[in-house]
């Protein structure tokens, strides 16, 4: 199952597989990604989340973590984490 291909319109938790969580990525228009929780243990992902927290705090109105970076950057980072 391709993790990055799991973009869905619904924001319910029942469409999120066990062991995964939702992030919204994009600088203007946000795209929904479902990623494994194991990413939370990865230093690169932790650094990205720390930068987001420092700049934007914990206000995530979309119901998931919002990461205001380019989709290309996020896809590149998560591709490296999967290897």
Protein backbone atom coordinates (compact mmCIF):
# COMPACT_ATOMS: atom_id res chain seq x y z
CA UNK A 1 0.00 0.00 0.00
CA UNK A 2 1.53 3.32 -1.05
CA UNK A 3 1.54 5.65 1.93
CA UNK A 4 1.79 8.83 -0.10
CA UNK A 5 -1.00 7.66 -2.37
CA UNK A 6 -3.45 7.55 0.51
CA UNK A 7 -4.87 11.03 0.04
CA UNK A 8 -8.58 11.19 0.76
CA UNK A 9 -11.18 13.93 0.99
CA UNK A 10 -12.79 12.66 4.22
CA UNK A 11 -11.29 13.71 7.54
CA UNK A 12 -12.72 10.89 9.63
CA UNK A 13 -10.44 8.68 11.66
CA UNK A 14 -12.02 5.47 10.37
CA UNK A 15 -10.23 5.88 7.02
CA UNK A 16 -6.84 6.11 8.74
CA UNK A 17 -5.19 2.68 9.09
CA UNK A 18 -4.03 1.57 12.52
CA UNK A 19 -0.51 2.83 13.16
CA UNK A 20 -0.88 5.92 10.96
CA UNK A 21 -1.89 9.57 11.39
CA UNK A 22 -2.99 12.44 9.18
CA UNK A 23 -0.95 15.49 8.22
CA UNK A 24 -2.00 18.36 5.98
CA UNK A 25 0.81 19.64 3.80
CA UNK A 26 1.10 22.73 1.64
CA UNK A 27 1.95 26.37 1.67
CA UNK A 28 -1.43 27.64 0.49
CA UNK A 29 -3.68 24.76 -0.49
CA UNK A 30 -3.36 21.82 1.90
CA UNK A 31 -3.23 18.19 0.79
CA UNK A 32 -3.98 15.36 3.19
CA UNK A 33 -1.37 12.63 3.72
CA UNK A 34 -1.62 9.53 5.88
CA UNK A 35 1.78 8.61 7.30
CA UNK A 36 2.99 5.89 9.67
CA UNK A 37 3.43 6.85 13.30
CA UNK A 38 6.94 5.40 13.10
CA UNK A 39 7.90 8.68 11.38
CA UNK A 40 7.55 10.33 14.80
CA UNK A 41 10.72 8.47 15.87
CA UNK A 42 12.73 9.79 12.91
CA UNK A 43 15.04 12.76 13.64
CA UNK A 44 14.29 14.39 10.24
CA UNK A 45 10.54 14.27 10.87
CA UNK A 46 10.98 15.45 14.47
CA UNK A 47 13.01 18.40 13.22
CA UNK A 48 10.29 19.31 10.71
CA UNK A 49 7.62 19.15 13.43
CA UNK A 50 9.77 21.26 15.77
CA UNK A 51 10.09 23.94 13.08
CA UNK A 52 6.33 23.89 12.52
CA UNK A 53 5.65 24.14 16.27
CA UNK A 54 8.13 27.00 16.68
CA UNK A 55 6.64 29.00 13.85
CA UNK A 56 2.94 28.13 14.07
CA UNK A 57 2.29 26.58 17.48
CA UNK A 58 -0.21 23.80 17.98
CA UNK A 59 -3.26 25.38 16.35
CA UNK A 60 -4.29 22.83 13.71
CA UNK A 61 -7.82 23.77 12.56
CA UNK A 62 -8.00 21.08 9.87
CA UNK A 63 -8.15 18.25 12.43
CA UNK A 64 -4.64 16.95 11.79
CA UNK A 65 -1.15 18.32 12.02
CA UNK A 66 -0.66 21.11 9.47
CA UNK A 67 2.79 21.34 7.89
CA UNK A 68 3.15 24.51 5.79
CA UNK A 69 5.95 23.33 3.51
CA UNK A 70 5.88 22.46 -0.18
CA UNK A 71 4.44 19.09 -1.13
CA UNK A 72 7.64 18.30 -3.03
CA UNK A 73 9.74 18.86 0.10
CA UNK A 74 7.41 16.69 2.21
CA UNK A 75 7.33 13.88 -0.36
CA UNK A 76 11.13 13.96 -0.65
CA UNK A 77 11.54 13.84 3.15
CA UNK A 78 9.05 10.98 3.63
CA UNK A 79 10.60 9.06 0.73
CA UNK A 80 13.96 9.22 2.49
CA UNK A 81 12.37 8.02 5.74
CA UNK A 82 10.87 4.95 4.06
CA UNK A 83 14.27 3.73 2.81
